[in-house]
């Protein structure tokens, strides 16, 4: 019986130890920052579970990064310069005075993938650079139960596709229509010549018609004679007829010459 009881106690103890190790080793959350150039990775280890989270951007202090991923209760006497509870742990602390050295939240810093270092300043004075890690572990100056998370792989850009070259399409050449030389016969126009109308030939002067000597003598006789009027009138008329006949002849000759 004694030997059986000892065996049972050994099995129970081994089961409890195994269960405790499993609880302590398995973090509740593990979400570090994706890159080592932005955000601050925060590790919280309360002794029974570990939480890893990412405070985005560039927090102004370590306590600001902690508040971005967890609820924080400060010590009433010192404010956020002394952390009393993280996510409500430990619930037994009244957060009125400085916690004991055997049960407080220790503050650590580290680079991504490096080793933990106890912070030389408080959480309100420390300004973690982007891409770094801060850790909080509860107990008597313990360190977080996991190493600072290593940076994730650098994102690689897929190679740019080669530029697409548009397919060349053969453009049909339009048929060439032969040009026919069209000769338009234009009438030959002789240059205008200055035509001077022919001048009429000078007309020959009409011969002067002079009465015959006989007619003049007869007229003089008629004038001198003192015979009666009938004779005078007859001679005068004869003179006029002769003059008229001569004028008519001269006119006909002028027309023929023209």
C-alpha atoms as a PDB file:
ATOM      1  CA  UNK A   1       0.000   0.000   0.000  1.00  0.00           C
ATOM      2  CA  UNK A   2       2.780   2.423   0.889  1.00  0.00           C
ATOM      3  CA  UNK A   3       4.526   1.707  -2.349  1.00  0.00           C
ATOM      4  CA  UNK A   4       1.259   2.216  -4.292  1.00  0.00           C
ATOM      5  CA  UNK A   5       0.593   5.530  -2.575  1.00  0.00           C
ATOM      6  CA  UNK A   6       4.092   6.731  -3.424  1.00  0.00           C
ATOM      7  CA  UNK A   7       3.585   5.823  -7.047  1.00  0.00           C
ATOM      8  CA  UNK A   8       0.276   7.698  -7.142  1.00  0.00           C
ATOM      9  CA  UNK A   9       1.842  10.780  -5.562  1.00  0.00           C
ATOM     10  CA  UNK A  10       4.679  10.687  -8.074  1.00  0.00           C
ATOM     11  CA  UNK A  11       2.257  10.493 -10.990  1.00  0.00           C
ATOM     12  CA  UNK A  12       0.157  13.389  -9.659  1.00  0.00           C
ATOM     13  CA  UNK A  13       3.242  15.523  -9.075  1.00  0.00           C
ATOM     14  CA  UNK A  14       4.562  14.788 -12.558  1.00  0.00           C
ATOM     15  CA  UNK A  15       1.180  15.665 -14.076  1.00  0.00           C
ATOM     16  CA  UNK A  16       1.024  18.967 -12.198  1.00  0.00           C
ATOM     17  CA  UNK A  17       4.570  19.872 -13.158  1.00  0.00           C
ATOM     18  CA  UNK A  18       3.880  19.008 -16.783  1.00  0.00           C
ATOM     19  CA  UNK A  19       0.688  21.043 -16.752  1.00  0.00           C
ATOM     20  CA  UNK A  20       2.489  24.001 -15.167  1.00  0.00           C
ATOM     21  CA  UNK A  21       5.244  23.880 -17.730  1.00  0.00           C
ATOM     22  CA  UNK A  22       2.720  23.707 -20.531  1.00  0.00           C
ATOM     23  CA  UNK A  23       0.862  26.737 -19.206  1.00  0.00           C
ATOM     24  CA  UNK A  24       4.023  28.731 -18.676  1.00  0.00           C
ATOM     25  CA  UNK A  25       5.533  27.837 -22.009  1.00  0.00           C
ATOM     26  CA  UNK A  26       2.502  28.498 -24.215  1.00  0.00           C
ATOM     27  CA  UNK A  27       1.838  32.210 -24.800  1.00  0.00           C
ATOM     28  CA  UNK A  28      -1.756  33.328 -24.962  1.00  0.00           C
ATOM     29  CA  UNK A  29      -1.105  35.609 -27.954  1.00  0.00           C
ATOM     30  CA  UNK A  30       1.856  36.080 -30.260  1.00  0.00           C
ATOM     31  CA  UNK A  31       1.520  38.994 -32.677  1.00  0.00           C
ATOM     32  CA  UNK A  32       4.801  40.906 -32.953  1.00  0.00           C
ATOM     33  CA  UNK A  33       5.151  43.818 -35.321  1.00  0.00           C
ATOM     34  CA  UNK A  34       5.439  42.684 -38.899  1.00  0.00           C
ATOM     35  CA  UNK A  35       8.569  44.682 -39.682  1.00  0.00           C
ATOM     36  CA  UNK A  36      11.659  45.767 -37.794  1.00  0.00           C
ATOM     37  CA  UNK A  37      11.328  49.373 -38.871  1.00  0.00           C
ATOM     38  CA  UNK A  38       7.906  50.399 -37.554  1.00  0.00           C
ATOM     39  CA  UNK A  39       5.923  49.847 -34.379  1.00  0.00           C
ATOM     40  CA  UNK A  40       7.090  48.552 -30.995  1.00  0.00           C
ATOM     41  CA  UNK A  41       6.697  44.897 -30.020  1.00  0.00           C
ATOM     42  CA  UNK A  42       5.442  44.450 -26.430  1.00  0.00           C
ATOM     43  CA  UNK A  43       5.956  41.204 -24.473  1.00  0.00           C
ATOM     44  CA  UNK A  44       3.889  40.711 -21.265  1.00  0.00           C
ATOM     45  CA  UNK A  45       4.718  37.707 -19.046  1.00  0.00           C
ATOM     46  CA  UNK A  46       2.680  37.390 -15.823  1.00  0.00           C
ATOM     47  CA  UNK A  47       4.251  34.081 -14.886  1.00  0.00           C
ATOM     48  CA  UNK A  48       1.479  31.889 -16.224  1.00  0.00           C
ATOM     49  CA  UNK A  49       0.905  33.241 -19.727  1.00  0.00           C
ATOM     50  CA  UNK A  50       2.767  35.359 -22.222  1.00  0.00           C
ATOM     51  CA  UNK A  51       1.241  37.900 -24.558  1.00  0.00           C
ATOM     52  CA  UNK A  52       3.043  39.381 -27.540  1.00  0.00           C
ATOM     53  CA  UNK A  53       1.477  42.369 -29.288  1.00  0.00           C
ATOM     54  CA  UNK A  54       2.435  45.268 -31.526  1.00  0.00           C
ATOM     55  CA  UNK A  55       2.033  48.914 -30.569  1.00  0.00           C
ATOM     56  CA  UNK A  56       1.703  50.624 -33.964  1.00  0.00           C
ATOM     57  CA  UNK A  57       3.474  53.752 -35.020  1.00  0.00           C
ATOM     58  CA  UNK A  58       6.006  55.509 -32.799  1.00  0.00           C
ATOM     59  CA  UNK A  59       4.798  55.529 -29.173  1.00  0.00           C
ATOM     60  CA  UNK A  60       5.966  58.504 -27.121  1.00  0.00           C
ATOM     61  CA  UNK A  61       7.051  56.302 -24.177  1.00  0.00           C
ATOM     62  CA  UNK A  62       7.212  52.706 -23.005  1.00  0.00           C
ATOM     63  CA  UNK A  63       4.068  53.078 -20.904  1.00  0.00           C
ATOM     64  CA  UNK A  64       2.273  54.534 -23.968  1.00  0.00           C
ATOM     65  CA  UNK A  65       3.266  51.439 -25.948  1.00  0.00           C
ATOM     66  CA  UNK A  66       2.039  49.226 -23.100  1.00  0.00           C
ATOM     67  CA  UNK A  67      -1.278  51.086 -22.935  1.00  0.00           C
ATOM     68  CA  UNK A  68      -1.728  50.573 -26.685  1.00  0.00           C
ATOM     69  CA  UNK A  69      -1.903  46.766 -26.207  1.00  0.00           C
ATOM     70  CA  UNK A  70      -3.109  46.228 -22.607  1.00  0.00           C
ATOM     71  CA  UNK A  71      -4.979  47.822 -19.714  1.00  0.00           C
ATOM     72  CA  UNK A  72      -2.617  49.446 -17.198  1.00  0.00           C
ATOM     73  CA  UNK A  73      -3.307  50.386 -13.568  1.00  0.00           C
ATOM     74  CA  UNK A  74      -0.702  52.717 -12.039  1.00  0.00           C
ATOM     75  CA  UNK A  75       0.262  53.063  -8.398  1.00  0.00           C
ATOM     76  CA  UNK A  76      -1.878  55.886  -6.994  1.00  0.00           C
ATOM     77  CA  UNK A  77       1.037  57.488  -5.201  1.00  0.00           C
ATOM     78  CA  UNK A  78       3.392  57.579  -8.224  1.00  0.00           C
ATOM     79  CA  UNK A  79       1.097  57.592 -11.219  1.00  0.00           C
ATOM     80  CA  UNK A  80       2.114  55.795 -14.391  1.00  0.00           C
ATOM     81  CA  UNK A  81       5.772  56.008 -13.419  1.00  0.00           C
ATOM     82  CA  UNK A  82       5.135  52.753 -11.471  1.00  0.00           C
ATOM     83  CA  UNK A  83       2.983  50.030 -13.013  1.00  0.00           C
ATOM     84  CA  UNK A  84       0.781  48.173 -10.531  1.00  0.00           C
ATOM     85  CA  UNK A  85      -1.421  45.940 -12.718  1.00  0.00           C
ATOM     86  CA  UNK A  86      -1.354  44.847 -16.343  1.00  0.00           C
ATOM     87  CA  UNK A  87      -4.612  43.444 -17.667  1.00  0.00           C
ATOM     88  CA  UNK A  88      -5.848  43.279 -14.033  1.00  0.00           C
ATOM     89  CA  UNK A  89      -2.919  41.235 -12.747  1.00  0.00           C
ATOM     90  CA  UNK A  90      -2.201  40.890  -9.872  1.00  0.00           C
ATOM     91  CA  UNK A  91      -5.718  41.412  -8.620  1.00  0.00           C
ATOM     92  CA  UNK A  92      -4.610  41.219  -4.957  1.00  0.00           C
ATOM     93  CA  UNK A  93      -2.556  44.443  -5.127  1.00  0.00           C
ATOM     94  CA  UNK A  94      -4.477  47.537  -4.029  1.00  0.00           C
ATOM     95  CA  UNK A  95      -2.152  49.813  -6.065  1.00  0.00           C
ATOM     96  CA  UNK A  96      -1.799  52.410  -3.346  1.00  0.00           C
ATOM     97  CA  UNK A  97       1.882  52.120  -2.446  1.00  0.00           C
ATOM     98  CA  UNK A  98       5.050  50.792  -4.065  1.00  0.00           C
ATOM     99  CA  UNK A  99       4.681  47.022  -4.648  1.00  0.00           C
ATOM    100  CA  UNK A 100       7.124  44.659  -2.878  1.00  0.00           C
ATOM    101  CA  UNK A 101      10.381  43.723  -4.571  1.00  0.00           C
ATOM    102  CA  UNK A 102       9.218  40.128  -4.775  1.00  0.00           C
ATOM    103  CA  UNK A 103       6.010  40.888  -6.681  1.00  0.00           C
ATOM    104  CA  UNK A 104       6.234  43.756  -9.167  1.00  0.00           C
ATOM    105  CA  UNK A 105       6.374  44.315 -12.901  1.00  0.00           C
ATOM    106  CA  UNK A 106       9.980  44.456 -14.083  1.00  0.00           C
ATOM    107  CA  UNK A 107      10.665  46.444 -17.245  1.00  0.00           C
ATOM    108  CA  UNK A 108      13.089  45.240 -19.969  1.00  0.00           C
ATOM    109  CA  UNK A 109      14.188  46.410 -23.416  1.00  0.00           C
ATOM    110  CA  UNK A 110      15.746  44.607 -26.363  1.00  0.00           C
ATOM    111  CA  UNK A 111      16.298  44.854 -30.105  1.00  0.00           C
ATOM    112  CA  UNK A 112      14.415  42.517 -32.405  1.00  0.00           C
ATOM    113  CA  UNK A 113      16.010  39.078 -32.150  1.00  0.00           C
ATOM    114  CA  UNK A 114      18.488  40.293 -29.469  1.00  0.00           C
ATOM    115  CA  UNK A 115      18.709  39.750 -25.691  1.00  0.00           C
ATOM    116  CA  UNK A 116      16.810  41.324 -22.797  1.00  0.00           C
ATOM    117  CA  UNK A 117      18.322  44.195 -20.819  1.00  0.00           C
ATOM    118  CA  UNK A 118      16.897  45.626 -17.603  1.00  0.00           C
ATOM    119  CA  UNK A 119      15.719  49.151 -18.399  1.00  0.00           C
ATOM    120  CA  UNK A 120      17.870  51.840 -16.787  1.00  0.00           C
ATOM    121  CA  UNK A 121      14.955  54.335 -16.715  1.00  0.00           C
ATOM    122  CA  UNK A 122      11.275  54.157 -15.894  1.00  0.00           C
ATOM    123  CA  UNK A 123       8.423  53.450 -18.293  1.00  0.00           C
ATOM    124  CA  UNK A 124       7.480  57.129 -18.575  1.00  0.00           C
ATOM    125  CA  UNK A 125      11.020  58.189 -19.452  1.00  0.00           C
ATOM    126  CA  UNK A 126      11.964  55.447 -21.883  1.00  0.00           C
ATOM    127  CA  UNK A 127      11.151  56.164 -25.559  1.00  0.00           C
ATOM    128  CA  UNK A 128      11.402  52.898 -27.513  1.00  0.00           C
ATOM    129  CA  UNK A 129      12.564  53.377 -31.109  1.00  0.00           C
ATOM    130  CA  UNK A 130      10.439  51.924 -33.897  1.00  0.00           C
ATOM    131  CA  UNK A 131      11.265  48.298 -34.515  1.00  0.00           C
ATOM    132  CA  UNK A 132      12.442  47.613 -30.922  1.00  0.00           C
ATOM    133  CA  UNK A 133      11.001  45.327 -28.208  1.00  0.00           C
ATOM    134  CA  UNK A 134       9.962  46.072 -24.616  1.00  0.00           C
ATOM    135  CA  UNK A 135       9.108  43.396 -22.045  1.00  0.00           C
ATOM    136  CA  UNK A 136       7.215  43.264 -18.731  1.00  0.00           C
ATOM    137  CA  UNK A 137       7.638  40.287 -16.414  1.00  0.00           C
ATOM    138  CA  UNK A 138       5.971  39.851 -13.030  1.00  0.00           C
ATOM    139  CA  UNK A 139       7.897  38.438 -10.053  1.00  0.00           C
ATOM    140  CA  UNK A 140      11.189  38.990  -8.237  1.00  0.00           C
ATOM    141  CA  UNK A 141      13.206  40.609 -11.084  1.00  0.00           C
ATOM    142  CA  UNK A 142      12.376  37.876 -13.579  1.00  0.00           C
ATOM    143  CA  UNK A 143      12.932  38.158 -17.294  1.00  0.00           C
ATOM    144  CA  UNK A 144      10.238  37.475 -19.875  1.00  0.00           C
ATOM    145  CA  UNK A 145       9.901  33.775 -20.561  1.00  0.00           C
ATOM    146  CA  UNK A 146      10.586  34.112 -24.291  1.00  0.00           C
ATOM    147  CA  UNK A 147      13.385  35.726 -26.246  1.00  0.00           C
ATOM    148  CA  UNK A 148      12.737  38.986 -28.035  1.00  0.00           C
ATOM    149  CA  UNK A 149      10.907  38.129 -31.274  1.00  0.00           C
ATOM    150  CA  UNK A 150      13.103  38.186 -34.333  1.00  0.00           C
ATOM    151  CA  UNK A 151      12.195  40.494 -37.187  1.00  0.00           C
ATOM    152  CA  UNK A 152       9.994  39.015 -39.838  1.00  0.00           C
ATOM    153  CA  UNK A 153      11.236  38.415 -43.359  1.00  0.00           C
ATOM    154  CA  UNK A 154      11.572  41.479 -45.455  1.00  0.00           C
ATOM    155  CA  UNK A 155       8.801  41.712 -47.975  1.00  0.00           C
ATOM    156  CA  UNK A 156      10.045  41.108 -51.450  1.00  0.00           C
ATOM    157  CA  UNK A 157       8.559  42.892 -54.347  1.00  0.00           C
ATOM    158  CA  UNK A 158       7.528  40.715 -57.214  1.00  0.00           C
ATOM    159  CA  UNK A 159       9.534  41.390 -60.345  1.00  0.00           C
ATOM    160  CA  UNK A 160       7.901  43.879 -62.583  1.00  0.00           C
ATOM    161  CA  UNK A 161       6.415  42.283 -65.652  1.00  0.00           C
ATOM    162  CA  UNK A 162       8.205  43.086 -68.869  1.00  0.00           C
ATOM    163  CA  UNK A 163       6.611  45.882 -70.805  1.00  0.00           C
ATOM    164  CA  UNK A 164       4.100  44.608 -73.232  1.00  0.00           C
ATOM    165  CA  UNK A 165       5.032  45.310 -76.815  1.00  0.00           C
ATOM    166  CA  UNK A 166       1.974  45.797 -78.990  1.00  0.00           C
ATOM    167  CA  UNK A 167       1.802  43.402 -81.866  1.00  0.00           C
ATOM    168  CA  UNK A 168       2.637  44.936 -85.163  1.00  0.00           C
ATOM    169  CA  UNK A 169      -0.213  44.818 -87.587  1.00  0.00           C
ATOM    170  CA  UNK A 170       0.601  44.983 -91.271  1.00  0.00           C
ATOM    171  CA  UNK A 171      -1.154  47.953 -92.758  1.00  0.00           C
ATOM    172  CA  UNK A 172      -2.215  47.255 -96.330  1.00  0.00           C
ATOM    173  CA  UNK A 173      -0.624  49.577 -98.818  1.00  0.00           C
ATOM    174  CA  UNK A 174      -3.232  51.366-100.872  1.00  0.00           C
ATOM    175  CA  UNK A 175      -2.960  50.680-104.614  1.00  0.00           C
ATOM    176  CA  UNK A 176      -1.147  53.303-106.577  1.00  0.00           C
ATOM    177  CA  UNK A 177      -3.297  54.728-109.325  1.00  0.00           C
ATOM    178  CA  UNK A 178      -1.189  55.741-112.320  1.00  0.00           C
ATOM    179  CA  UNK A 179      -1.595  59.306-113.228  1.00  0.00           C
ATOM    180  CA  UNK A 180      -2.590  59.915-116.807  1.00  0.00           C
ATOM    181  CA  UNK A 181      -1.185  63.009-118.342  1.00  0.00           C
ATOM    182  CA  UNK A 182      -4.101  64.942-119.587  1.00  0.00           C
ATOM    183  CA  UNK A 183      -3.088  67.401-122.230  1.00  0.00           C
ATOM    184  CA  UNK A 184      -5.661  70.029-122.791  1.00  0.00           C
ATOM    185  CA  UNK A 185      -5.346  71.640-126.140  1.00  0.00           C
ATOM    186  CA  UNK A 186      -5.785  75.259-125.639  1.00  0.00           C
ATOM    187  CA  UNK A 187      -6.544  77.422-128.635  1.00  0.00           C
ATOM    188  CA  UNK A 188      -3.644  79.544-129.718  1.00  0.00           C
ATOM    189  CA  UNK A 189      -4.699  83.079-129.422  1.00  0.00           C
ATOM    190  CA  UNK A 190      -2.706  85.501-131.432  1.00  0.00           C
ATOM    191  CA  UNK A 191      -1.649  88.500-129.519  1.00  0.00           C
ATOM    192  CA  UNK A 192      -3.790  91.457-130.175  1.00  0.00           C
ATOM    193  CA  UNK A 193      -2.449  93.676-132.870  1.00  0.00           C
ATOM    194  CA  UNK A 194      -3.176  97.302-133.049  1.00  0.00           C
ATOM    195  CA  UNK A 195      -5.121  97.743-136.179  1.00  0.00           C
ATOM    196  CA  UNK A 196      -5.106 101.260-137.444  1.00  0.00           C
ATOM    197  CA  UNK A 197      -8.068 101.890-139.665  1.00  0.00           C
ATOM    198  CA  UNK A 198      -7.003 103.064-143.114  1.00  0.00           C
ATOM    199  CA  UNK A 199      -7.165 106.671-143.496  1.00  0.00           C
ATOM    200  CA  UNK A 200      -9.373 107.864-146.324  1.00  0.00           C
ATOM    201  CA  UNK A 201      -7.517 109.179-149.253  1.00  0.00           C
ATOM    202  CA  UNK A 202      -7.469 112.851-149.336  1.00  0.00           C
ATOM    203  CA  UNK A 203     -10.216 114.202-151.433  1.00  0.00           C
ATOM    204  CA  UNK A 204      -9.264 116.159-154.394  1.00  0.00           C
ATOM    205  CA  UNK A 205     -10.319 119.725-154.079  1.00  0.00           C
ATOM    206  CA  UNK A 206     -13.346 120.507-156.060  1.00  0.00           C
ATOM    207  CA  UNK A 207     -12.616 122.577-159.018  1.00  0.00           C
ATOM    208  CA  UNK A 208     -13.718 126.043-158.635  1.00  0.00           C
ATOM    209  CA  UNK A 209     -16.662 126.732-160.765  1.00  0.00           C
ATOM    210  CA  UNK A 210     -16.277 129.994-162.491  1.00  0.00           C
ATOM    211  CA  UNK A 211     -18.908 131.381-164.840  1.00  0.00           C
ATOM    212  CA  UNK A 212     -18.024 131.485-168.467  1.00  0.00           C
ATOM    213  CA  UNK A 213     -16.909 134.673-170.072  1.00  0.00           C
ATOM    214  CA  UNK A 214     -19.947 134.705-172.236  1.00  0.00           C
ATOM    215  CA  UNK A 215     -22.288 134.470-169.278  1.00  0.00           C
ATOM    216  CA  UNK A 216     -20.467 137.276-167.512  1.00  0.00           C
ATOM    217  CA  UNK A 217     -20.538 139.398-170.596  1.00  0.00           C
ATOM    218  CA  UNK A 218     -24.210 138.750-171.115  1.00  0.00           C
ATOM    219  CA  UNK A 219     -24.895 139.660-167.568  1.00  0.00           C
ATOM    220  CA  UNK A 220     -22.918 142.827-167.837  1.00  0.00           C
ATOM    221  CA  UNK A 221     -24.736 143.755-170.978  1.00  0.00           C
ATOM    222  CA  UNK A 222     -28.018 143.128-169.338  1.00  0.00           C
ATOM    223  CA  UNK A 223     -27.035 145.272-166.505  1.00  0.00           C
ATOM    224  CA  UNK A 224     -25.780 148.084-168.636  1.00  0.00           C
ATOM    225  CA  UNK A 225     -28.571 148.050-171.156  1.00  0.00           C
ATOM    226  CA  UNK A 226     -31.421 149.984-170.200  1.00  0.00           C
ATOM    227  CA  UNK A 227     -33.823 147.543-171.741  1.00  0.00           C
ATOM    228  CA  UNK A 228     -36.690 146.386-169.772  1.00  0.00           C
ATOM    229  CA  UNK A 229     -36.788 144.068-166.915  1.00  0.00           C
ATOM    230  CA  UNK A 230     -37.574 140.812-168.767  1.00  0.00           C
ATOM    231  CA  UNK A 231     -34.254 140.726-170.459  1.00  0.00           C
ATOM    232  CA  UNK A 232     -32.424 141.353-167.259  1.00  0.00           C
ATOM    233  CA  UNK A 233     -34.285 138.639-165.475  1.00  0.00           C
ATOM    234  CA  UNK A 234     -33.613 136.117-168.246  1.00  0.00           C
ATOM    235  CA  UNK A 235     -29.940 136.689-168.184  1.00  0.00           C
ATOM    236  CA  UNK A 236     -29.811 136.399-164.460  1.00  0.00           C
ATOM    237  CA  UNK A 237     -31.684 133.129-164.528  1.00  0.00           C
ATOM    238  CA  UNK A 238     -29.365 131.778-167.197  1.00  0.00           C
ATOM    239  CA  UNK A 239     -26.410 132.664-165.042  1.00  0.00           C
ATOM    240  CA  UNK A 240     -27.847 130.884-162.056  1.00  0.00           C
ATOM    241  CA  UNK A 241     -28.575 127.751-164.093  1.00  0.00           C
ATOM    242  CA  UNK A 242     -25.040 127.638-165.354  1.00  0.00           C
ATOM    243  CA  UNK A 243     -23.676 128.051-161.901  1.00  0.00           C
ATOM    244  CA  UNK A 244     -25.934 125.283-160.579  1.00  0.00           C
ATOM    245  CA  UNK A 245     -24.926 122.857-163.335  1.00  0.00           C
ATOM    246  CA  UNK A 246     -21.288 123.421-162.670  1.00  0.00           C
ATOM    247  CA  UNK A 247     -21.772 122.790-158.944  1.00  0.00           C
ATOM    248  CA  UNK A 248     -23.639 119.557-159.612  1.00  0.00           C
ATOM    249  CA  UNK A 249     -20.860 118.240-161.814  1.00  0.00           C
ATOM    250  CA  UNK A 250     -18.247 119.057-159.234  1.00  0.00           C
ATOM    251  CA  UNK A 251     -20.230 117.216-156.502  1.00  0.00           C
ATOM    252  CA  UNK A 252     -20.508 114.052-158.589  1.00  0.00           C
ATOM    253  CA  UNK A 253     -16.785 114.000-159.199  1.00  0.00           C
ATOM    254  CA  UNK A 254     -16.113 114.343-155.482  1.00  0.00           C
ATOM    255  CA  UNK A 255     -18.340 111.361-154.639  1.00  0.00           C
ATOM    256  CA  UNK A 256     -16.673 109.154-157.199  1.00  0.00           C
ATOM    257  CA  UNK A 257     -13.256 110.056-155.954  1.00  0.00           C
ATOM    258  CA  UNK A 258     -14.294 109.085-152.355  1.00  0.00           C
END
